[in-house]
Amino acid sequence: MLGTPDHVIAQAYAGMYTAPGAVGVRPHSEAYLRRRTRPALTVWTSAEAAAWERSTLHLPGSRVDHWPGIGHYLHEEQVERTIRLIAEYARAQA
């Protein structure tokens, strides 16, 4: 992130939060997420965010986990747990 040019960060921010229909702003993100055509697997560190995303799921097989106390790089902080989660999810989708 620190090496990312300012204009790239500004463009990404605009696309996520300030552009018309930006998906980083509710209710735009809710509408966008409800259009998913495949089951989703997500992990949130926030109970509130996990509950919110669960409300957008409509496809069987979708799953939202809540992992409190984990940072942004959960796959590095909780390697084995992440591997188990992905393997379990993949088996359930087969």
Protein backbone atom coordinates (compact mmCIF):
# COMPACT_ATOMS: atom_id res chain seq x y z
CA MET A 1 0.00 0.00 0.00
CA LEU A 2 2.78 2.42 0.90
CA GLY A 3 4.32 2.01 -2.54
CA THR A 4 1.06 2.63 -4.38
CA PRO A 5 1.00 5.93 -6.31
CA ASP A 6 -1.41 8.52 -4.93
CA HIS A 7 -3.47 8.68 -8.12
CA VAL A 8 -4.08 4.92 -8.01
CA ILE A 9 -5.31 5.11 -4.43
CA ALA A 10 -7.56 8.05 -5.34
CA GLN A 11 -9.04 6.17 -8.30
CA ALA A 12 -9.62 3.03 -6.23
CA TYR A 13 -11.25 5.07 -3.46
CA ALA A 14 -13.51 6.84 -5.93
CA GLY A 15 -14.55 3.56 -7.52
CA MET A 16 -15.35 2.04 -4.16
CA TYR A 17 -16.92 4.96 -2.31
CA THR A 18 -17.66 8.15 -4.21
CA ALA A 19 -18.61 7.19 -7.78
CA PRO A 20 -22.30 6.78 -8.62
CA GLY A 21 -23.32 3.23 -7.69
CA ALA A 22 -20.06 2.60 -5.78
CA VAL A 23 -20.18 -0.84 -4.21
CA GLY A 24 -18.43 0.26 -1.01
CA VAL A 25 -21.50 2.22 0.06
CA ARG A 26 -24.69 0.61 1.24
CA PRO A 27 -27.29 0.11 -0.25
CA HIS A 28 -25.29 -0.12 -3.51
CA SER A 29 -23.12 -2.88 -2.07
CA GLU A 30 -26.14 -4.82 -0.87
CA ALA A 31 -27.70 -4.73 -4.33
CA TYR A 32 -24.39 -5.74 -5.90
CA LEU A 33 -23.84 -8.65 -3.51
CA ARG A 34 -27.38 -9.94 -4.00
CA ARG A 35 -26.62 -10.32 -7.72
CA ARG A 36 -24.00 -12.98 -7.04
CA THR A 37 -24.61 -16.04 -9.17
CA ARG A 38 -22.37 -18.45 -7.27
CA PRO A 39 -22.18 -19.41 -3.61
CA ALA A 40 -19.82 -17.22 -1.62
CA LEU A 41 -17.40 -17.90 1.21
CA THR A 42 -16.31 -14.91 3.27
CA VAL A 43 -14.63 -14.35 6.61
CA TRP A 44 -15.10 -11.24 8.72
CA THR A 45 -13.41 -10.16 11.94
CA SER A 46 -16.42 -8.00 12.80
CA ALA A 47 -19.58 -9.71 14.04
CA GLU A 48 -21.63 -6.81 12.69
CA ALA A 49 -20.08 -7.10 9.21
CA ALA A 50 -20.55 -10.88 9.18
CA ALA A 51 -24.21 -10.53 10.11
CA TRP A 52 -24.69 -7.87 7.45
CA GLU A 53 -23.16 -10.00 4.70
CA ARG A 54 -25.21 -13.02 5.75
CA SER A 55 -28.27 -10.89 5.04
CA THR A 56 -27.15 -10.50 1.41
CA LEU A 57 -26.72 -14.23 0.75
CA HIS A 58 -29.42 -16.00 -1.18
CA LEU A 59 -27.63 -18.92 -2.79
CA PRO A 60 -27.47 -22.33 -1.14
CA GLY A 61 -23.94 -23.22 -0.09
CA SER A 62 -22.95 -19.65 0.76
CA ARG A 63 -21.14 -19.20 4.03
CA VAL A 64 -19.96 -16.33 6.21
CA ASP A 65 -17.60 -17.01 9.10
CA HIS A 66 -16.78 -14.67 11.95
CA TRP A 67 -13.19 -14.87 13.21
CA PRO A 68 -12.78 -12.29 15.98
CA GLY A 69 -9.31 -11.10 16.89
CA ILE A 70 -7.76 -11.84 13.50
CA GLY A 71 -6.09 -9.18 11.36
CA HIS A 72 -6.40 -8.40 7.67
CA TYR A 73 -4.08 -11.25 6.63
CA LEU A 74 -6.00 -14.08 8.24
CA HIS A 75 -4.56 -16.57 5.76
CA GLU A 76 -1.09 -15.78 7.13
CA GLU A 77 -2.12 -15.48 10.78
CA GLN A 78 -4.25 -18.63 10.82
CA VAL A 79 -2.78 -20.80 8.06
CA GLU A 80 -4.13 -24.18 9.14
CA ARG A 81 -7.55 -22.79 10.03
CA THR A 82 -7.77 -21.10 6.64
CA ILE A 83 -6.78 -24.28 4.82
CA ARG A 84 -9.40 -26.27 6.77
CA LEU A 85 -12.08 -23.68 6.03
CA ILE A 86 -11.38 -23.62 2.29
CA ALA A 87 -11.13 -27.42 2.04
CA GLU A 88 -14.37 -27.88 3.98
CA TYR A 89 -16.13 -25.30 1.83
CA ALA A 90 -14.83 -26.87 -1.41
CA ARG A 91 -16.00 -30.34 -0.32
CA ALA A 92 -19.45 -28.97 0.48
CA GLN A 93 -19.67 -27.44 -3.01
CA ALA A 94 -18.71 -30.67 -4.82
